[in-house]
């Protein structure tokens, strides 16, 4: 195991110890709950996710089962740490949030996920793409276009072809410094229908990117940066995650989200194979598939539930802001997990070389 992975494990272990020390206070545990209370350690993306998941999943699970859910912030790329834990049997958490397109194909191909035995008929209303035997998607975010309404009014760009059209839509632009999503956007800008993106024509994608490269003011690398760019008006249009655009809107910025030709991603729970707390982890994963519980996290996190029956419990005004609301998801597509698993290295290396060229 590499020194870098060892450091990641040690850092995460320290976070868990710190989180465990404060878990009782954070949960306001009843006086009868003592230091030996059952614990389940999970990792999530942190920030607003933690507050939203605590409201929807962690605290309700404790109330129902008596098991304290201790959460730590997930590594931005959890696959390496997940792999190391299974290989060394050094389990520093028992379940983690994994992304369908980025993480699941790799972990499944290596046999690293604990079998859960999930079946779609256990969860009426669940999106078909959000459930696999060893993974349950619980939220959906989308990479969409956002633009400044003080620049474009009601006539903002509606397609990626519009984003690429610097004559019709002059202004400062920003794209993500990442091959995933950006290559799909380049192809759609060149006229490829969303349902015909795969197998991806990389030559065509990079020819399309050549046309816009000189007009990209910023290639952003973090969600916080993308929010700042559109909120401050440093750029007039941007490709970013809908939650980041929504944060700018909530902060009073004149920003609109265009859901058309968006690319949605599904995040959910996976369990490292062999963890000694697998049974309680499986119970927790199933717990998170409930429609009403998923509805609860949308109050704090502008991402969509995967159990579409959750919309029965979400106010219409809030539902309109979420990726899986019927009018929003209708114009979006899920990036192919299999294509990216097979071609990620090639596509990423070519993209990085293109940026430097």
Protein backbone atom coordinates (compact mmCIF):
# COMPACT_ATOMS: atom_id res chain seq x y z
CA UNK A 1 0.00 0.00 0.00
CA UNK A 2 1.40 3.43 -0.96
CA UNK A 3 2.51 6.04 1.54
CA UNK A 4 -0.15 8.39 0.12
CA UNK A 5 -2.90 5.87 0.78
CA UNK A 6 -1.56 5.23 4.29
CA UNK A 7 -1.69 8.96 4.97
CA UNK A 8 -5.27 9.12 3.66
CA UNK A 9 -6.31 6.28 5.98
CA UNK A 10 -4.63 7.88 8.99
CA UNK A 11 -6.18 11.27 8.23
CA UNK A 12 -9.62 9.75 7.86
CA UNK A 13 -9.18 7.78 11.09
CA UNK A 14 -8.43 11.02 12.94
CA UNK A 15 -11.55 12.61 11.49
CA UNK A 16 -13.63 9.67 12.67
CA UNK A 17 -12.25 9.89 16.19
CA UNK A 18 -13.01 13.61 16.27
CA UNK A 19 -16.50 13.06 14.87
CA UNK A 20 -17.17 10.21 17.29
CA UNK A 21 -16.17 12.40 20.24
CA UNK A 22 -18.81 14.94 19.26
CA UNK A 23 -21.48 12.57 18.04
CA UNK A 24 -23.43 12.53 21.29
CA UNK A 25 -23.70 16.29 21.45
CA UNK A 26 -24.49 16.64 17.75
CA UNK A 27 -27.29 14.13 18.02
CA UNK A 28 -28.45 15.33 21.45
CA UNK A 29 -28.52 11.72 22.60
CA UNK A 30 -30.91 10.84 25.41
CA UNK A 31 -29.32 10.52 28.86
CA UNK A 32 -29.69 6.74 28.77
CA UNK A 33 -27.42 6.38 25.76
CA UNK A 34 -23.86 5.75 26.92
CA UNK A 35 -20.45 5.57 25.32
CA UNK A 36 -20.98 1.98 24.18
CA UNK A 37 -23.98 2.84 21.98
CA UNK A 38 -23.92 1.06 18.64
CA UNK A 39 -22.20 3.08 15.95
CA UNK A 40 -22.19 3.06 12.19
CA UNK A 41 -19.45 5.10 10.53
CA UNK A 42 -20.26 6.55 7.11
CA UNK A 43 -18.57 9.04 4.82
CA UNK A 44 -20.40 11.68 2.80
CA UNK A 45 -19.30 14.65 0.66
CA UNK A 46 -19.47 17.02 3.63
CA UNK A 47 -20.78 20.60 3.64
CA UNK A 48 -24.50 20.89 2.94
CA UNK A 49 -24.73 17.14 2.32
CA UNK A 50 -23.96 16.42 5.96
CA UNK A 51 -26.73 18.65 7.29
CA UNK A 52 -29.23 17.35 4.75
CA UNK A 53 -28.35 13.69 5.28
CA UNK A 54 -28.40 14.10 9.06
CA UNK A 55 -31.93 15.45 8.88
CA UNK A 56 -33.16 12.81 6.44
CA UNK A 57 -31.13 9.70 7.30
CA UNK A 58 -28.70 9.83 10.23
CA UNK A 59 -30.90 11.11 13.05
CA UNK A 60 -34.02 9.17 11.96
CA UNK A 61 -31.95 5.96 11.76
CA UNK A 62 -30.76 6.49 15.32
CA UNK A 63 -34.31 7.08 16.50
CA UNK A 64 -35.53 3.90 14.80
CA UNK A 65 -32.65 1.54 15.57
CA UNK A 66 -30.61 3.06 18.41
CA UNK A 67 -27.53 3.07 16.17
CA UNK A 68 -25.57 6.32 16.14
CA UNK A 69 -24.50 7.32 12.64
CA UNK A 70 -21.08 9.01 12.76
CA UNK A 71 -20.20 10.76 9.53
CA UNK A 72 -16.88 12.00 8.15
CA UNK A 73 -16.20 13.95 4.98
CA UNK A 74 -15.61 11.68 2.01
CA UNK A 75 -12.36 11.85 0.07
CA UNK A 76 -12.98 13.64 -3.23
CA UNK A 77 -11.91 10.47 -5.07
CA UNK A 78 -12.94 7.61 -2.74
CA UNK A 79 -12.00 4.66 -4.95
CA UNK A 80 -8.36 4.39 -3.82
CA UNK A 81 -9.22 4.57 -0.13
CA UNK A 82 -12.13 2.16 -0.60
CA UNK A 83 -9.81 -0.30 -2.36
CA UNK A 84 -7.13 -0.04 0.34
CA UNK A 85 -9.64 -0.69 3.12
CA UNK A 86 -10.93 -3.88 1.52
CA UNK A 87 -7.45 -5.15 0.66
CA UNK A 88 -6.02 -4.49 4.13
CA UNK A 89 -9.26 -5.22 6.02
CA UNK A 90 -8.67 -1.93 7.84
CA UNK A 91 -12.23 -0.56 7.76
CA UNK A 92 -12.32 3.06 8.82
CA UNK A 93 -15.90 3.49 7.68
CA UNK A 94 -18.74 1.10 6.88
CA UNK A 95 -20.54 2.84 4.02
CA UNK A 96 -19.78 5.74 1.74
CA UNK A 97 -21.41 7.87 -0.92
CA UNK A 98 -20.27 6.78 -4.38
CA UNK A 99 -21.09 8.23 -7.78
CA UNK A 100 -22.59 5.92 -10.36
CA UNK A 101 -20.61 7.10 -13.40
CA UNK A 102 -17.28 7.66 -11.63
CA UNK A 103 -16.97 5.01 -8.93
CA UNK A 104 -19.34 2.08 -9.28
CA UNK A 105 -18.01 0.44 -12.50
CA UNK A 106 -14.46 0.42 -11.08
CA UNK A 107 -15.44 -1.02 -7.68
CA UNK A 108 -17.79 -3.60 -9.19
CA UNK A 109 -15.19 -4.77 -11.70
CA UNK A 110 -12.73 -5.31 -8.83
CA UNK A 111 -15.27 -7.11 -6.64
CA UNK A 112 -14.85 -4.61 -3.80
CA UNK A 113 -18.49 -3.89 -2.96
CA UNK A 114 -20.31 -5.80 -0.25
CA UNK A 115 -23.32 -7.66 -1.70
CA UNK A 116 -26.53 -6.11 -0.37
CA UNK A 117 -29.11 -7.94 -2.46
CA UNK A 118 -31.07 -4.83 -3.38
CA UNK A 119 -34.01 -5.25 -5.74
CA UNK A 120 -36.04 -2.57 -7.45
CA UNK A 121 -39.35 -3.97 -6.22
CA UNK A 122 -38.25 -3.21 -2.64
CA UNK A 123 -38.47 0.50 -3.44
CA UNK A 124 -41.57 1.51 -5.38
CA UNK A 125 -40.85 4.73 -7.22
CA UNK A 126 -37.07 4.36 -7.38
CA UNK A 127 -35.37 5.40 -10.64
CA UNK A 128 -34.22 2.26 -12.50
CA UNK A 129 -30.67 3.62 -12.83
CA UNK A 130 -30.46 4.28 -9.08
CA UNK A 131 -30.44 0.70 -7.86
CA UNK A 132 -27.97 -2.12 -8.29
CA UNK A 133 -27.59 -5.25 -6.16
CA UNK A 134 -24.69 -3.65 -4.26
CA UNK A 135 -25.45 0.09 -4.42
CA UNK A 136 -28.41 2.40 -3.81
CA UNK A 137 -28.56 5.87 -5.31
CA UNK A 138 -30.20 8.42 -3.02
CA UNK A 139 -29.67 11.80 -4.69
CA UNK A 140 -29.25 13.24 -8.17
CA UNK A 141 -27.29 16.33 -9.12
CA UNK A 142 -26.99 17.80 -12.58
CA UNK A 143 -24.34 19.60 -14.58
CA UNK A 144 -26.31 22.37 -16.24
CA UNK A 145 -25.84 25.72 -17.85
CA UNK A 146 -26.34 28.84 -15.76
CA UNK A 147 -26.33 32.41 -17.02
CA UNK A 148 -26.68 35.96 -15.74
CA UNK A 149 -30.13 37.41 -16.32
CA UNK A 150 -28.77 40.94 -15.97
CA UNK A 151 -26.77 40.17 -19.11
CA UNK A 152 -29.29 38.23 -21.18
CA UNK A 153 -32.67 38.87 -19.60
CA UNK A 154 -35.20 36.23 -20.63
CA UNK A 155 -33.28 35.44 -23.81
CA UNK A 156 -30.37 33.51 -22.40
CA UNK A 157 -28.65 30.55 -24.06
CA UNK A 158 -30.89 27.49 -24.26
CA UNK A 159 -28.55 24.87 -25.75
CA UNK A 160 -24.84 24.09 -25.80
CA UNK A 161 -24.83 25.30 -29.40
CA UNK A 162 -25.95 28.66 -28.00
CA UNK A 163 -23.16 28.53 -25.40
CA UNK A 164 -20.69 27.98 -28.25
CA UNK A 165 -22.22 30.83 -30.33
CA UNK A 166 -20.11 33.81 -29.27
CA UNK A 167 -21.68 36.09 -31.88
CA UNK A 168 -25.29 35.60 -30.83
CA UNK A 169 -24.44 35.33 -27.12
CA UNK A 170 -21.38 37.49 -26.44
CA UNK A 171 -19.99 37.35 -22.93
CA UNK A 172 -17.50 35.73 -20.60
CA UNK A 173 -17.73 31.97 -20.37
CA UNK A 174 -16.54 29.23 -18.02
CA UNK A 175 -16.32 25.45 -18.36
CA UNK A 176 -15.14 22.80 -15.95
CA UNK A 177 -11.53 21.68 -16.19
CA UNK A 178 -12.57 18.05 -16.52
CA UNK A 179 -13.19 15.73 -19.44
CA UNK A 180 -16.38 14.29 -17.92
CA UNK A 181 -19.39 16.39 -18.93
CA UNK A 182 -17.24 18.85 -20.92
CA UNK A 183 -16.75 16.38 -23.78
CA UNK A 184 -20.47 15.60 -23.82
CA UNK A 185 -21.26 19.31 -23.94
CA UNK A 186 -18.85 19.80 -26.84
CA UNK A 187 -20.56 17.06 -28.83
CA UNK A 188 -24.05 18.43 -28.14
CA UNK A 189 -22.80 21.87 -29.18
CA UNK A 190 -21.76 20.27 -32.47
CA UNK A 191 -25.22 18.82 -33.02
CA UNK A 192 -24.95 15.31 -31.57
CA UNK A 193 -28.29 14.31 -29.97
CA UNK A 194 -28.15 13.54 -26.26
CA UNK A 195 -29.18 9.93 -26.87
CA UNK A 196 -26.40 9.42 -29.45
CA UNK A 197 -23.39 10.54 -27.39
CA UNK A 198 -21.93 7.05 -26.92
CA UNK A 199 -19.65 5.61 -28.02
CA UNK A 200 -18.13 9.08 -27.89
CA UNK A 201 -16.46 10.47 -31.01
CA UNK A 202 -13.44 12.06 -29.33
CA UNK A 203 -12.08 13.59 -32.53
CA UNK A 204 -15.38 15.39 -33.09
CA UNK A 205 -15.54 16.49 -29.45
CA UNK A 206 -12.08 18.07 -29.53
CA UNK A 207 -12.76 19.78 -32.85
CA UNK A 208 -15.80 21.32 -31.19
CA UNK A 209 -13.74 22.36 -28.17
CA UNK A 210 -11.22 23.99 -30.50
CA UNK A 211 -13.96 26.43 -31.55
CA UNK A 212 -14.69 27.64 -28.01
CA UNK A 213 -11.29 27.37 -26.32
CA UNK A 214 -10.21 30.97 -26.95
CA UNK A 215 -13.48 32.25 -25.51
CA UNK A 216 -13.31 30.44 -22.16
CA UNK A 217 -12.35 32.98 -19.50
CA UNK A 218 -11.96 30.46 -16.69
CA UNK A 219 -11.64 26.68 -16.51
CA UNK A 220 -12.98 26.10 -13.01
CA UNK A 221 -11.75 23.31 -10.74
CA UNK A 222 -14.01 23.41 -7.67
CA UNK A 223 -17.69 23.88 -6.96
CA UNK A 224 -17.02 26.84 -4.68
CA UNK A 225 -15.07 28.54 -7.46
CA UNK A 226 -17.88 28.01 -9.96
CA UNK A 227 -20.41 29.55 -7.57
CA UNK A 228 -18.21 32.58 -7.05
CA UNK A 229 -17.68 33.06 -10.79
CA UNK A 230 -21.37 33.27 -11.67
CA UNK A 231 -22.49 34.94 -8.44
CA UNK A 232 -19.96 37.76 -8.72
CA UNK A 233 -20.60 38.31 -12.42
CA UNK A 234 -17.01 37.47 -13.33
CA UNK A 235 -18.55 35.28 -16.02
CA UNK A 236 -21.88 35.62 -17.81
CA UNK A 237 -22.49 31.92 -18.44
CA UNK A 238 -21.09 28.74 -16.98
CA UNK A 239 -21.40 24.97 -16.95
CA UNK A 240 -21.73 23.93 -13.32
CA UNK A 241 -23.64 21.78 -10.86
CA UNK A 242 -27.20 22.89 -10.30
CA UNK A 243 -26.72 23.12 -6.54
CA UNK A 244 -23.91 25.61 -7.07
CA UNK A 245 -26.05 27.75 -9.36
CA UNK A 246 -28.89 27.55 -6.86
CA UNK A 247 -26.56 28.78 -4.12
CA UNK A 248 -25.83 31.86 -6.22
CA UNK A 249 -29.55 32.42 -6.79
CA UNK A 250 -30.30 31.96 -3.09
CA UNK A 251 -27.60 34.55 -2.41
CA UNK A 252 -29.49 37.09 -4.49
CA UNK A 253 -27.52 36.89 -7.73
CA UNK A 254 -29.44 37.43 -11.00
CA UNK A 255 -28.82 33.91 -12.28
CA UNK A 256 -31.00 31.42 -14.16
CA UNK A 257 -30.54 27.66 -14.60
CA UNK A 258 -31.14 26.05 -17.97
CA UNK A 259 -31.93 22.35 -17.52
CA UNK A 260 -32.04 21.55 -21.24
CA UNK A 261 -29.19 19.24 -22.33
CA UNK A 262 -28.05 18.83 -18.73
CA UNK A 263 -26.07 15.80 -17.60
CA UNK A 264 -27.28 14.21 -14.40
CA UNK A 265 -25.32 12.07 -11.97
CA UNK A 266 -26.54 9.73 -9.24
CA UNK A 267 -24.89 9.45 -5.82
CA UNK A 268 -25.61 6.75 -3.30
CA UNK A 269 -24.44 4.31 -0.68
CA UNK A 270 -21.99 1.47 -1.17
CA UNK A 271 -20.43 -0.79 1.49
CA UNK A 272 -16.78 -1.96 1.46
CA UNK A 273 -16.69 -5.72 1.15
CA UNK A 274 -16.00 -7.53 4.39
CA UNK A 275 -16.67 -4.76 6.87
CA UNK A 276 -17.60 -6.35 10.23
CA UNK A 277 -20.60 -4.00 10.49
CA UNK A 278 -22.01 -5.02 7.13
CA UNK A 279 -25.38 -6.13 8.52
CA UNK A 280 -26.20 -2.78 10.12
CA UNK A 281 -24.77 -0.97 7.09
CA UNK A 282 -27.14 -2.89 4.81
CA UNK A 283 -30.05 -1.97 7.06
CA UNK A 284 -29.01 1.68 6.85
CA UNK A 285 -28.73 1.62 3.04
CA UNK A 286 -32.26 0.23 2.72
CA UNK A 287 -33.48 2.82 5.20
CA UNK A 288 -32.30 5.58 2.86
CA UNK A 289 -34.43 4.37 -0.04
CA UNK A 290 -37.67 5.50 1.59
CA UNK A 291 -39.49 8.23 -0.35
CA UNK A 292 -40.50 10.38 2.62
CA UNK A 293 -36.99 10.30 4.07
CA UNK A 294 -35.51 11.35 0.76
CA UNK A 295 -37.99 14.21 0.57
CA UNK A 296 -36.55 15.55 3.84
CA UNK A 297 -33.06 16.22 2.47
CA UNK A 298 -34.38 18.40 -0.34
CA UNK A 299 -35.20 21.15 2.17
CA UNK A 300 -31.47 21.74 2.65
CA UNK A 301 -29.90 20.32 -0.52
CA UNK A 302 -31.10 21.31 -3.99
CA UNK A 303 -30.55 17.85 -5.40
CA UNK A 304 -33.22 15.45 -6.50
CA UNK A 305 -34.47 12.34 -4.73
CA UNK A 306 -34.05 9.05 -6.59
CA UNK A 307 -37.33 7.74 -5.22
CA UNK A 308 -39.73 9.80 -7.31
CA UNK A 309 -42.57 9.16 -4.87
CA UNK A 310 -40.74 11.66 -2.67
CA UNK A 311 -42.33 14.41 -4.76
CA UNK A 312 -45.65 13.63 -3.07
CA UNK A 313 -44.07 15.19 0.05
CA UNK A 314 -42.17 18.10 -1.56
CA UNK A 315 -43.74 21.53 -2.03
CA UNK A 316 -44.20 22.38 -5.74
CA UNK A 317 -42.05 25.52 -5.49
CA UNK A 318 -39.15 23.50 -4.09
CA UNK A 319 -39.70 20.62 -6.52
CA UNK A 320 -39.22 23.01 -9.44
CA UNK A 321 -35.59 23.52 -8.35
CA UNK A 322 -34.66 19.81 -8.24
CA UNK A 323 -33.02 17.77 -11.04
CA UNK A 324 -35.38 14.79 -10.89
CA UNK A 325 -38.58 16.85 -11.12
CA UNK A 326 -40.28 15.62 -14.29
CA UNK A 327 -39.92 18.84 -16.36
CA UNK A 328 -36.22 19.14 -15.49
CA UNK A 329 -34.98 15.60 -16.00
CA UNK A 330 -36.91 15.27 -19.27
CA UNK A 331 -34.24 17.26 -21.13
CA UNK A 332 -31.21 15.63 -19.50
CA UNK A 333 -29.13 12.50 -19.98
CA UNK A 334 -27.05 10.25 -17.72
CA UNK A 335 -23.38 9.98 -18.81
CA UNK A 336 -22.56 6.37 -19.64
CA UNK A 337 -20.88 4.69 -16.63
CA UNK A 338 -19.54 1.90 -18.83
CA UNK A 339 -18.06 4.19 -21.49
CA UNK A 340 -16.30 6.28 -18.87
CA UNK A 341 -15.02 3.20 -17.06
CA UNK A 342 -13.53 1.91 -20.30
CA UNK A 343 -12.20 5.22 -21.62
CA UNK A 344 -11.60 7.54 -18.66
CA UNK A 345 -7.79 7.44 -18.77
CA UNK A 346 -7.59 7.97 -22.52
CA UNK A 347 -10.16 10.77 -22.55
CA UNK A 348 -8.71 12.54 -19.50
CA UNK A 349 -5.12 12.44 -20.73
CA UNK A 350 -6.14 13.79 -24.11
CA UNK A 351 -8.24 16.53 -22.50
CA UNK A 352 -5.41 17.63 -20.22
CA UNK A 353 -2.96 17.67 -23.10
CA UNK A 354 -5.43 19.69 -25.19
CA UNK A 355 -5.77 22.30 -22.44
CA UNK A 356 -1.99 22.79 -22.42
CA UNK A 357 -1.69 22.84 -26.20
